[in-house]
């Protein structure tokens, strides 16, 4: 079991700041996601925890023990890399046993841990196969099993399921959450897939060019993003963010007053209402309709702005038809001139 903490950690590669004064604590037995676009510092943070990189400033603690300068082998954390890195000349069982054999673990303990990991991951029937004869999903499970048998204090996973197809990713992320819960271990997981992060994380950290912009439970961050940057990252379609002037010009009708200090207003697509235009109120025009089965994305043009609405079912809107766009002000997000969220009694921020 492990609590992992960063205290004002920075890491640079030449003139590039990969991690910028990061401070956070991952609780024992927590599923913690590092989320952000490519090159935002997610993998570097994992490598710092593992010991493959050393911080330029700050300290890293595992269970309260400072580990700066301590070798990866002495940190007792297991890593699942994005490329999985299985040995092609070993069977699945050989790959899983390998870290235990290297550490001189007794044969009966190795057998017991192999059986336990194979049972958790439902791979007992493929242990005799070589990696070349395994599917992508099977190779991924073997790589995770190799980490599980070590019985580490924490697991680190660097986007390990990104190469899988959409359906298999969905199944595997459910399995990862189950495995983490059953194993009772801390898990730090890197992903650039917002759906993946929000579905499995107990808490998540949003990164931007090495800096942590917000930490919290996925729903908390979704409902109350700290900045316009964070607001845009979570949600599909992404949040509509309009200048106050566009709203005043009639891009959308709100049922209340705007925040007096706001320069921009954020509106989630699912919070927008579209109704047929009857000649009253500002008019918008349907630009595109995307049926998605249970939901439909409708793109509209209004007062020189583009907005996307996420509507239930398959409403009968057609391209080029006039509509009225409205939203409850209580569902609006208000942002100041630097992109920070503003508190406002009339809505969320």
Foldseek 3Di string as FASTA:
>chain_A
DKKKWWAQFWADDVPATLAGGDTDIFDFLFEEEEEEDPSLNQVVVVCCLLVVDATPDTFMDIRNHTCGVPHSVVNQEAEQEQVRPADQVAFLLCRLLVVVVVVVHDPVLSVVLSVVLCVLLVNPVRRRHGPVPDDLLNSLSSSVSSRRSSLGQEYEYENRCPPDDPVSLVVVLVSVLVVSNVSRHHYYYYDHDQVSCLVRGCKYFYGGSNYTQDIDRSVVCQQAPFFVVSQQSDAVVGWDKAAPVQVVLQQAAEPDDDDPQFGIKTAHQAQKDKDADPPDGFKKFWADWADDAQWIWTWIAGSNDIDIHIGGDHDPDDGGGIIHIYGYQQRMWGAHPVGGTDDDPRHHD
